[in-house]
Amino acid sequence: MSVDQAITLVQQMLYTSLLVGAPVILIAFIVGLLISIFQAATQIHEMTLTFIPKIFATIIALIIFGSWIFRKLIDFTQELLKNLIVYIS
């Protein structure tokens, strides 16, 4: 395997990890931002108020996007194994 091939594999891995993690991270970020705005408006500064809704939003996001995430990871793994077989032989 050449250096260019290894760099391409690393680029594909980073792109896939960014694509797979983005929906859940963005939803958790948006929920955290909305809760922070609510806390600033009401002067309620309770730590559990931010923690529990983020957990529920993350679980819901994983339920919604889970099959898509799993399909992307399967596609990446299949492509990686195909490429490794070609590189080895």
PDB file of N, CA and C in Angstrom:
ATOM      1  N   MET A   1       0.851  -1.169   0.000  1.00  0.00           N
ATOM      2  CA  MET A   1       0.000   0.000   0.000  1.00  0.00           C
ATOM      3  C   MET A   1       0.896   1.231   0.000  1.00  0.00           C
ATOM      4  N   SER A   2       0.603   2.136  -0.912  1.00  0.00           N
ATOM      5  CA  SER A   2       1.418   3.340  -1.007  1.00  0.00           C
ATOM      6  C   SER A   2       0.919   4.396  -0.022  1.00  0.00           C
ATOM      7  N   VAL A   3       1.676   5.439   0.086  1.00  0.00           N
ATOM      8  CA  VAL A   3       1.322   6.542   0.979  1.00  0.00           C
ATOM      9  C   VAL A   3       0.038   7.213   0.505  1.00  0.00           C
ATOM     10  N   ASP A   4      -0.124   7.379  -0.802  1.00  0.00           N
ATOM     11  CA  ASP A   4      -1.335   8.013  -1.335  1.00  0.00           C
ATOM     12  C   ASP A   4      -2.583   7.190  -1.020  1.00  0.00           C
ATOM     13  N   GLN A   5      -2.468   5.893  -1.105  1.00  0.00           N
ATOM     14  CA  GLN A   5      -3.598   5.026  -0.793  1.00  0.00           C
ATOM     15  C   GLN A   5      -3.943   5.096   0.691  1.00  0.00           C
ATOM     16  N   ALA A   6      -2.930   5.136   1.532  1.00  0.00           N
ATOM     17  CA  ALA A   6      -3.161   5.235   2.971  1.00  0.00           C
ATOM     18  C   ALA A   6      -3.810   6.567   3.324  1.00  0.00           C
ATOM     19  N   ILE A   7      -3.360   7.644   2.696  1.00  0.00           N
ATOM     20  CA  ILE A   7      -3.951   8.959   2.948  1.00  0.00           C
ATOM     21  C   ILE A   7      -5.405   8.988   2.493  1.00  0.00           C
ATOM     22  N   THR A   8      -5.697   8.363   1.356  1.00  0.00           N
ATOM     23  CA  THR A   8      -7.070   8.302   0.867  1.00  0.00           C
ATOM     24  C   THR A   8      -7.960   7.536   1.840  1.00  0.00           C
ATOM     25  N   LEU A   9      -7.462   6.426   2.375  1.00  0.00           N
ATOM     26  CA  LEU A   9      -8.234   5.668   3.349  1.00  0.00           C
ATOM     27  C   LEU A   9      -8.498   6.472   4.616  1.00  0.00           C
ATOM     28  N   VAL A  10      -7.503   7.205   5.080  1.00  0.00           N
ATOM     29  CA  VAL A  10      -7.679   8.037   6.274  1.00  0.00           C
ATOM     30  C   VAL A  10      -8.678   9.159   6.002  1.00  0.00           C
ATOM     31  N   GLN A  11      -8.613   9.759   4.819  1.00  0.00           N
ATOM     32  CA  GLN A  11      -9.577  10.800   4.459  1.00  0.00           C
ATOM     33  C   GLN A  11     -10.999  10.255   4.436  1.00  0.00           C
ATOM     34  N   GLN A  12     -11.180   9.072   3.863  1.00  0.00           N
ATOM     35  CA  GLN A  12     -12.504   8.455   3.825  1.00  0.00           C
ATOM     36  C   GLN A  12     -12.996   8.142   5.237  1.00  0.00           C
ATOM     37  N   MET A  13     -12.090   7.693   6.104  1.00  0.00           N
ATOM     38  CA  MET A  13     -12.455   7.384   7.475  1.00  0.00           C
ATOM     39  C   MET A  13     -12.893   8.634   8.229  1.00  0.00           C
ATOM     40  N   LEU A  14     -12.140   9.718   8.065  1.00  0.00           N
ATOM     41  CA  LEU A  14     -12.493  10.965   8.744  1.00  0.00           C
ATOM     42  C   LEU A  14     -13.806  11.534   8.226  1.00  0.00           C
ATOM     43  N   TYR A  15     -14.007  11.476   6.917  1.00  0.00           N
ATOM     44  CA  TYR A  15     -15.258  11.968   6.328  1.00  0.00           C
ATOM     45  C   TYR A  15     -16.444  11.152   6.824  1.00  0.00           C
ATOM     46  N   THR A  16     -16.298   9.836   6.875  1.00  0.00           N
ATOM     47  CA  THR A  16     -17.387   8.977   7.337  1.00  0.00           C
ATOM     48  C   THR A  16     -17.688   9.220   8.807  1.00  0.00           C
ATOM     49  N   SER A  17     -16.665   9.370   9.624  1.00  0.00           N
ATOM     50  CA  SER A  17     -16.902   9.620  11.051  1.00  0.00           C
ATOM     51  C   SER A  17     -17.566  10.970  11.273  1.00  0.00           C
ATOM     52  N   LEU A  18     -17.192  11.968  10.487  1.00  0.00           N
ATOM     53  CA  LEU A  18     -17.845  13.274  10.580  1.00  0.00           C
ATOM     54  C   LEU A  18     -19.302  13.185  10.145  1.00  0.00           C
ATOM     55  N   LEU A  19     -19.557  12.480   9.066  1.00  0.00           N
ATOM     56  CA  LEU A  19     -20.911  12.333   8.537  1.00  0.00           C
ATOM     57  C   LEU A  19     -21.796  11.540   9.495  1.00  0.00           C
ATOM     58  N   VAL A  20     -21.253  10.521  10.109  1.00  0.00           N
ATOM     59  CA  VAL A  20     -22.023   9.674  11.013  1.00  0.00           C
ATOM     60  C   VAL A  20     -22.308  10.378  12.342  1.00  0.00           C
ATOM     61  N   GLY A  21     -21.359  11.128  12.843  1.00  0.00           N
ATOM     62  CA  GLY A  21     -21.536  11.782  14.138  1.00  0.00           C
ATOM     63  C   GLY A  21     -22.291  13.091  14.094  1.00  0.00           C
ATOM     64  N   ALA A  22     -22.349  13.710  12.929  1.00  0.00           N
ATOM     65  CA  ALA A  22     -22.928  15.050  12.818  1.00  0.00           C
ATOM     66  C   ALA A  22     -24.383  15.156  13.265  1.00  0.00           C
ATOM     67  N   PRO A  23     -25.295  14.269  12.857  1.00  0.00           N
ATOM     68  CA  PRO A  23     -26.689  14.463  13.266  1.00  0.00           C
ATOM     69  C   PRO A  23     -26.889  14.453  14.777  1.00  0.00           C
ATOM     70  N   VAL A  24     -26.264  13.520  15.457  1.00  0.00           N
ATOM     71  CA  VAL A  24     -26.443  13.410  16.905  1.00  0.00           C
ATOM     72  C   VAL A  24     -25.791  14.593  17.616  1.00  0.00           C
ATOM     73  N   ILE A  25     -24.611  14.971  17.179  1.00  0.00           N
ATOM     74  CA  ILE A  25     -23.922  16.099  17.806  1.00  0.00           C
ATOM     75  C   ILE A  25     -24.676  17.406  17.580  1.00  0.00           C
ATOM     76  N   LEU A  26     -25.179  17.606  16.372  1.00  0.00           N
ATOM     77  CA  LEU A  26     -25.926  18.833  16.084  1.00  0.00           C
ATOM     78  C   LEU A  26     -27.213  18.920  16.893  1.00  0.00           C
ATOM     79  N   ILE A  27     -27.926  17.823  17.025  1.00  0.00           N
ATOM     80  CA  ILE A  27     -29.161  17.835  17.811  1.00  0.00           C
ATOM     81  C   ILE A  27     -28.855  18.114  19.278  1.00  0.00           C
ATOM     82  N   ALA A  28     -27.818  17.491  19.825  1.00  0.00           N
ATOM     83  CA  ALA A  28     -27.437  17.756  21.217  1.00  0.00           C
ATOM     84  C   ALA A  28     -27.012  19.216  21.391  1.00  0.00           C
ATOM     85  N   PHE A  29     -26.314  19.762  20.396  1.00  0.00           N
ATOM     86  CA  PHE A  29     -25.898  21.159  20.456  1.00  0.00           C
ATOM     87  C   PHE A  29     -27.107  22.104  20.439  1.00  0.00           C
ATOM     88  N   ILE A  30     -28.050  21.836  19.549  1.00  0.00           N
ATOM     89  CA  ILE A  30     -29.236  22.698  19.444  1.00  0.00           C
ATOM     90  C   ILE A  30     -30.063  22.640  20.728  1.00  0.00           C
ATOM     91  N   VAL A  31     -30.250  21.438  21.270  1.00  0.00           N
ATOM     92  CA  VAL A  31     -31.000  21.309  22.525  1.00  0.00           C
ATOM     93  C   VAL A  31     -30.271  22.031  23.652  1.00  0.00           C
ATOM     94  N   GLY A  32     -28.960  21.884  23.734  1.00  0.00           N
ATOM     95  CA  GLY A  32     -28.191  22.589  24.765  1.00  0.00           C
ATOM     96  C   GLY A  32     -28.282  24.094  24.621  1.00  0.00           C
ATOM     97  N   LEU A  33     -28.259  24.575  23.380  1.00  0.00           N
ATOM     98  CA  LEU A  33     -28.385  26.015  23.144  1.00  0.00           C
ATOM     99  C   LEU A  33     -29.762  26.534  23.562  1.00  0.00           C
ATOM    100  N   LEU A  34     -30.802  25.798  23.211  1.00  0.00           N
ATOM    101  CA  LEU A  34     -32.155  26.210  23.606  1.00  0.00           C
ATOM    102  C   LEU A  34     -32.328  26.212  25.117  1.00  0.00           C
ATOM    103  N   ILE A  35     -31.763  25.228  25.781  1.00  0.00           N
ATOM    104  CA  ILE A  35     -31.866  25.180  27.243  1.00  0.00           C
ATOM    105  C   ILE A  35     -31.066  26.311  27.875  1.00  0.00           C
ATOM    106  N   SER A  36     -29.919  26.629  27.297  1.00  0.00           N
ATOM    107  CA  SER A  36     -29.126  27.750  27.821  1.00  0.00           C
ATOM    108  C   SER A  36     -29.868  29.074  27.680  1.00  0.00           C
ATOM    109  N   ILE A  37     -30.534  29.254  26.561  1.00  0.00           N
ATOM    110  CA  ILE A  37     -31.341  30.463  26.372  1.00  0.00           C
ATOM    111  C   ILE A  37     -32.474  30.497  27.398  1.00  0.00           C
ATOM    112  N   PHE A  38     -33.120  29.360  27.622  1.00  0.00           N
ATOM    113  CA  PHE A  38     -34.185  29.281  28.618  1.00  0.00           C
ATOM    114  C   PHE A  38     -33.650  29.599  30.010  1.00  0.00           C
ATOM    115  N   GLN A  39     -32.474  29.064  30.340  1.00  0.00           N
ATOM    116  CA  GLN A  39     -31.889  29.332  31.659  1.00  0.00           C
ATOM    117  C   GLN A  39     -31.519  30.799  31.814  1.00  0.00           C
ATOM    118  N   ALA A  40     -31.007  31.411  30.759  1.00  0.00           N
ATOM    119  CA  ALA A  40     -30.648  32.827  30.837  1.00  0.00           C
ATOM    120  C   ALA A  40     -31.889  33.689  30.986  1.00  0.00           C
ATOM    121  N   ALA A  41     -32.967  33.287  30.336  1.00  0.00           N
ATOM    122  CA  ALA A  41     -34.199  34.089  30.412  1.00  0.00           C
ATOM    123  C   ALA A  41     -34.889  33.948  31.760  1.00  0.00           C
ATOM    124  N   THR A  42     -34.812  32.788  32.373  1.00  0.00           N
ATOM    125  CA  THR A  42     -35.537  32.555  33.626  1.00  0.00           C
ATOM    126  C   THR A  42     -34.653  32.634  34.862  1.00  0.00           C
ATOM    127  N   GLN A  43     -33.359  32.780  34.688  1.00  0.00           N
ATOM    128  CA  GLN A  43     -32.400  32.820  35.800  1.00  0.00           C
ATOM    129  C   GLN A  43     -32.395  31.524  36.622  1.00  0.00           C
ATOM    130  N   ILE A  44     -32.765  30.427  35.996  1.00  0.00           N
ATOM    131  CA  ILE A  44     -32.678  29.115  36.633  1.00  0.00           C
ATOM    132  C   ILE A  44     -31.375  28.468  36.163  1.00  0.00           C
ATOM    133  N   HIS A  45     -30.487  28.189  37.099  1.00  0.00           N
ATOM    134  CA  HIS A  45     -29.195  27.618  36.737  1.00  0.00           C
ATOM    135  C   HIS A  45     -29.004  26.276  37.432  1.00  0.00           C
ATOM    136  N   GLU A  46     -29.777  25.325  36.996  1.00  0.00           N
ATOM    137  CA  GLU A  46     -29.703  23.965  37.529  1.00  0.00           C
ATOM    138  C   GLU A  46     -28.966  23.088  36.524  1.00  0.00           C
ATOM    139  N   MET A  47     -27.964  22.346  36.982  1.00  0.00           N
ATOM    140  CA  MET A  47     -27.142  21.534  36.082  1.00  0.00           C
ATOM    141  C   MET A  47     -27.940  20.388  35.454  1.00  0.00           C
ATOM    142  N   THR A  48     -28.855  19.798  36.216  1.00  0.00           N
ATOM    143  CA  THR A  48     -29.623  18.684  35.665  1.00  0.00           C
ATOM    144  C   THR A  48     -30.605  19.150  34.602  1.00  0.00           C
ATOM    145  N   LEU A  49     -30.923  20.410  34.581  1.00  0.00           N
ATOM    146  CA  LEU A  49     -31.837  20.934  33.572  1.00  0.00           C
ATOM    147  C   LEU A  49     -31.225  20.858  32.177  1.00  0.00           C
ATOM    148  N   THR A  50     -29.929  20.948  32.074  1.00  0.00           N
ATOM    149  CA  THR A  50     -29.283  20.820  30.764  1.00  0.00           C
ATOM    150  C   THR A  50     -28.939  19.368  30.438  1.00  0.00           C
ATOM    151  N   PHE A  51     -28.650  18.593  31.455  1.00  0.00           N
ATOM    152  CA  PHE A  51     -28.148  17.237  31.247  1.00  0.00           C
ATOM    153  C   PHE A  51     -29.229  16.281  30.745  1.00  0.00           C
ATOM    154  N   ILE A  52     -30.370  16.254  31.395  1.00  0.00           N
ATOM    155  CA  ILE A  52     -31.412  15.280  31.072  1.00  0.00           C
ATOM    156  C   ILE A  52     -32.034  15.515  29.692  1.00  0.00           C
ATOM    157  N   PRO A  53     -32.389  16.729  29.300  1.00  0.00           N
ATOM    158  CA  PRO A  53     -32.928  16.903  27.944  1.00  0.00           C
ATOM    159  C   PRO A  53     -31.938  16.549  26.839  1.00  0.00           C
ATOM    160  N   LYS A  54     -30.652  16.814  27.070  1.00  0.00           N
ATOM    161  CA  LYS A  54     -29.644  16.429  26.078  1.00  0.00           C
ATOM    162  C   LYS A  54     -29.568  14.915  25.922  1.00  0.00           C
ATOM    163  N   ILE A  55     -29.677  14.190  27.023  1.00  0.00           N
ATOM    164  CA  ILE A  55     -29.661  12.732  26.948  1.00  0.00           C
ATOM    165  C   ILE A  55     -30.865  12.229  26.161  1.00  0.00           C
ATOM    166  N   PHE A  56     -32.050  12.764  26.467  1.00  0.00           N
ATOM    167  CA  PHE A  56     -33.245  12.340  25.742  1.00  0.00           C
ATOM    168  C   PHE A  56     -33.162  12.705  24.263  1.00  0.00           C
ATOM    169  N   ALA A  57     -32.661  13.889  23.952  1.00  0.00           N
ATOM    170  CA  ALA A  57     -32.525  14.295  22.550  1.00  0.00           C
ATOM    171  C   ALA A  57     -31.532  13.407  21.820  1.00  0.00           C
ATOM    172  N   THR A  58     -30.448  13.036  22.487  1.00  0.00           N
ATOM    173  CA  THR A  58     -29.458  12.152  21.873  1.00  0.00           C
ATOM    174  C   THR A  58     -30.041  10.764  21.617  1.00  0.00           C
ATOM    175  N   ILE A  59     -30.801  10.246  22.559  1.00  0.00           N
ATOM    176  CA  ILE A  59     -31.431   8.936  22.381  1.00  0.00           C
ATOM    177  C   ILE A  59     -32.437   8.980  21.231  1.00  0.00           C
ATOM    178  N   ILE A  60     -33.232  10.033  21.172  1.00  0.00           N
ATOM    179  CA  ILE A  60     -34.207  10.170  20.082  1.00  0.00           C
ATOM    180  C   ILE A  60     -33.488  10.309  18.740  1.00  0.00           C
ATOM    181  N   ALA A  61     -32.400  11.064  18.713  1.00  0.00           N
ATOM    182  CA  ALA A  61     -31.635  11.214  17.471  1.00  0.00           C
ATOM    183  C   ALA A  61     -31.053   9.876  17.032  1.00  0.00           C
ATOM    184  N   LEU A  62     -30.576   9.085  17.983  1.00  0.00           N
ATOM    185  CA  LEU A  62     -30.046   7.765  17.636  1.00  0.00           C
ATOM    186  C   LEU A  62     -31.144   6.836  17.140  1.00  0.00           C
ATOM    187  N   ILE A  63     -32.338   6.956  17.691  1.00  0.00           N
ATOM    188  CA  ILE A  63     -33.458   6.151  17.206  1.00  0.00           C
ATOM    189  C   ILE A  63     -33.827   6.564  15.793  1.00  0.00           C
ATOM    190  N   ILE A  64     -33.863   7.858  15.538  1.00  0.00           N
ATOM    191  CA  ILE A  64     -34.247   8.359  14.215  1.00  0.00           C
ATOM    192  C   ILE A  64     -33.164   8.074  13.180  1.00  0.00           C
ATOM    193  N   PHE A  65     -31.922   8.399  13.494  1.00  0.00           N
ATOM    194  CA  PHE A  65     -30.828   8.290  12.534  1.00  0.00           C
ATOM    195  C   PHE A  65     -30.027   6.994  12.653  1.00  0.00           C
ATOM    196  N   GLY A  66     -30.399   6.112  13.576  1.00  0.00           N
ATOM    197  CA  GLY A  66     -29.608   4.909  13.830  1.00  0.00           C
ATOM    198  C   GLY A  66     -29.446   4.002  12.628  1.00  0.00           C
ATOM    199  N   SER A  67     -30.529   3.768  11.913  1.00  0.00           N
ATOM    200  CA  SER A  67     -30.423   2.869  10.757  1.00  0.00           C
ATOM    201  C   SER A  67     -29.574   3.492   9.650  1.00  0.00           C
ATOM    202  N   TRP A  68     -29.705   4.802   9.479  1.00  0.00           N
ATOM    203  CA  TRP A  68     -28.888   5.491   8.474  1.00  0.00           C
ATOM    204  C   TRP A  68     -27.404   5.450   8.854  1.00  0.00           C
ATOM    205  N   ILE A  69     -27.110   5.688  10.124  1.00  0.00           N
ATOM    206  CA  ILE A  69     -25.735   5.643  10.612  1.00  0.00           C
ATOM    207  C   ILE A  69     -25.157   4.238  10.422  1.00  0.00           C
ATOM    208  N   PHE A  70     -25.946   3.234  10.783  1.00  0.00           N
ATOM    209  CA  PHE A  70     -25.488   1.854  10.646  1.00  0.00           C
ATOM    210  C   PHE A  70     -25.231   1.509   9.190  1.00  0.00           C
ATOM    211  N   ARG A  71     -26.099   1.955   8.276  1.00  0.00           N
ATOM    212  CA  ARG A  71     -25.922   1.683   6.854  1.00  0.00           C
ATOM    213  C   ARG A  71     -24.647   2.358   6.345  1.00  0.00           C
ATOM    214  N   LYS A  72     -24.384   3.602   6.754  1.00  0.00           N
ATOM    215  CA  LYS A  72     -23.159   4.293   6.335  1.00  0.00           C
ATOM    216  C   LYS A  72     -21.915   3.560   6.832  1.00  0.00           C
ATOM    217  N   LEU A  73     -21.953   3.080   8.071  1.00  0.00           N
ATOM    218  CA  LEU A  73     -20.803   2.356   8.612  1.00  0.00           C
ATOM    219  C   LEU A  73     -20.597   1.020   7.905  1.00  0.00           C
ATOM    220  N   ILE A  74     -21.690   0.341   7.570  1.00  0.00           N
ATOM    221  CA  ILE A  74     -21.571  -0.914   6.822  1.00  0.00           C
ATOM    222  C   ILE A  74     -20.989  -0.656   5.438  1.00  0.00           C
ATOM    223  N   ASP A  75     -21.489   0.383   4.751  1.00  0.00           N
ATOM    224  CA  ASP A  75     -20.961   0.711   3.419  1.00  0.00           C
ATOM    225  C   ASP A  75     -19.474   1.044   3.476  1.00  0.00           C
ATOM    226  N   PHE A  76     -19.072   1.817   4.481  1.00  0.00           N
ATOM    227  CA  PHE A  76     -17.666   2.174   4.620  1.00  0.00           C
ATOM    228  C   PHE A  76     -16.811   0.936   4.882  1.00  0.00           C
ATOM    229  N   THR A  77     -17.300   0.061   5.754  1.00  0.00           N
ATOM    230  CA  THR A  77     -16.540  -1.144   6.076  1.00  0.00           C
ATOM    231  C   THR A  77     -16.400  -2.053   4.860  1.00  0.00           C
ATOM    232  N   GLN A  78     -17.481  -2.211   4.104  1.00  0.00           N
ATOM    233  CA  GLN A  78     -17.408  -3.038   2.897  1.00  0.00           C
ATOM    234  C   GLN A  78     -16.430  -2.450   1.891  1.00  0.00           C
ATOM    235  N   GLU A  79     -16.479  -1.152   1.692  1.00  0.00           N
ATOM    236  CA  GLU A  79     -15.549  -0.495   0.766  1.00  0.00           C
ATOM    237  C   GLU A  79     -14.107  -0.623   1.253  1.00  0.00           C
ATOM    238  N   LEU A  80     -13.908  -0.480   2.551  1.00  0.00           N
ATOM    239  CA  LEU A  80     -12.572  -0.616   3.125  1.00  0.00           C
ATOM    240  C   LEU A  80     -12.021  -2.024   2.920  1.00  0.00           C
ATOM    241  N   LEU A  81     -12.845  -3.023   3.172  1.00  0.00           N
ATOM    242  CA  LEU A  81     -12.384  -4.403   2.996  1.00  0.00           C
ATOM    243  C   LEU A  81     -12.105  -4.715   1.532  1.00  0.00           C
ATOM    244  N   LYS A  82     -12.917  -4.189   0.625  1.00  0.00           N
ATOM    245  CA  LYS A  82     -12.649  -4.377  -0.803  1.00  0.00           C
ATOM    246  C   LYS A  82     -11.314  -3.752  -1.174  1.00  0.00           C
ATOM    247  N   ASN A  83     -11.077  -2.540  -0.690  1.00  0.00           N
ATOM    248  CA  ASN A  83      -9.817  -1.854  -0.994  1.00  0.00           C
ATOM    249  C   ASN A  83      -8.620  -2.585  -0.392  1.00  0.00           C
ATOM    250  N   LEU A  84      -8.766  -3.092   0.814  1.00  0.00           N
ATOM    251  CA  LEU A  84      -7.654  -3.815   1.434  1.00  0.00           C
ATOM    252  C   LEU A  84      -7.322  -5.089   0.699  1.00  0.00           C
ATOM    253  N   ILE A  85      -8.346  -5.772   0.203  1.00  0.00           N
ATOM    254  CA  ILE A  85      -8.099  -6.997  -0.567  1.00  0.00           C
ATOM    255  C   ILE A  85      -7.351  -6.654  -1.853  1.00  0.00           C
ATOM    256  N   VAL A  86      -7.725  -5.559  -2.489  1.00  0.00           N
ATOM    257  CA  VAL A  86      -7.040  -5.131  -3.719  1.00  0.00           C
ATOM    258  C   VAL A  86      -5.602  -4.716  -3.403  1.00  0.00           C
ATOM    259  N   TYR A  87      -5.377  -4.011  -2.301  1.00  0.00           N
ATOM    260  CA  TYR A  87      -4.048  -3.544  -1.949  1.00  0.00           C
ATOM    261  C   TYR A  87      -3.121  -4.698  -1.580  1.00  0.00           C
ATOM    262  N   ILE A  88      -3.676  -5.713  -0.930  1.00  0.00           N
ATOM    263  CA  ILE A  88      -2.855  -6.846  -0.474  1.00  0.00           C
ATOM    264  C   ILE A  88      -2.416  -7.703  -1.662  1.00  0.00           C
ATOM    265  N   SER A  89      -3.327  -7.933  -2.601  1.00  0.00           N
ATOM    266  CA  SER A  89      -2.975  -8.818  -3.722  1.00  0.00           C
ATOM    267  C   SER A  89      -2.289  -8.087  -4.849  1.00  0.00           C
TER     268      SER A  89
END
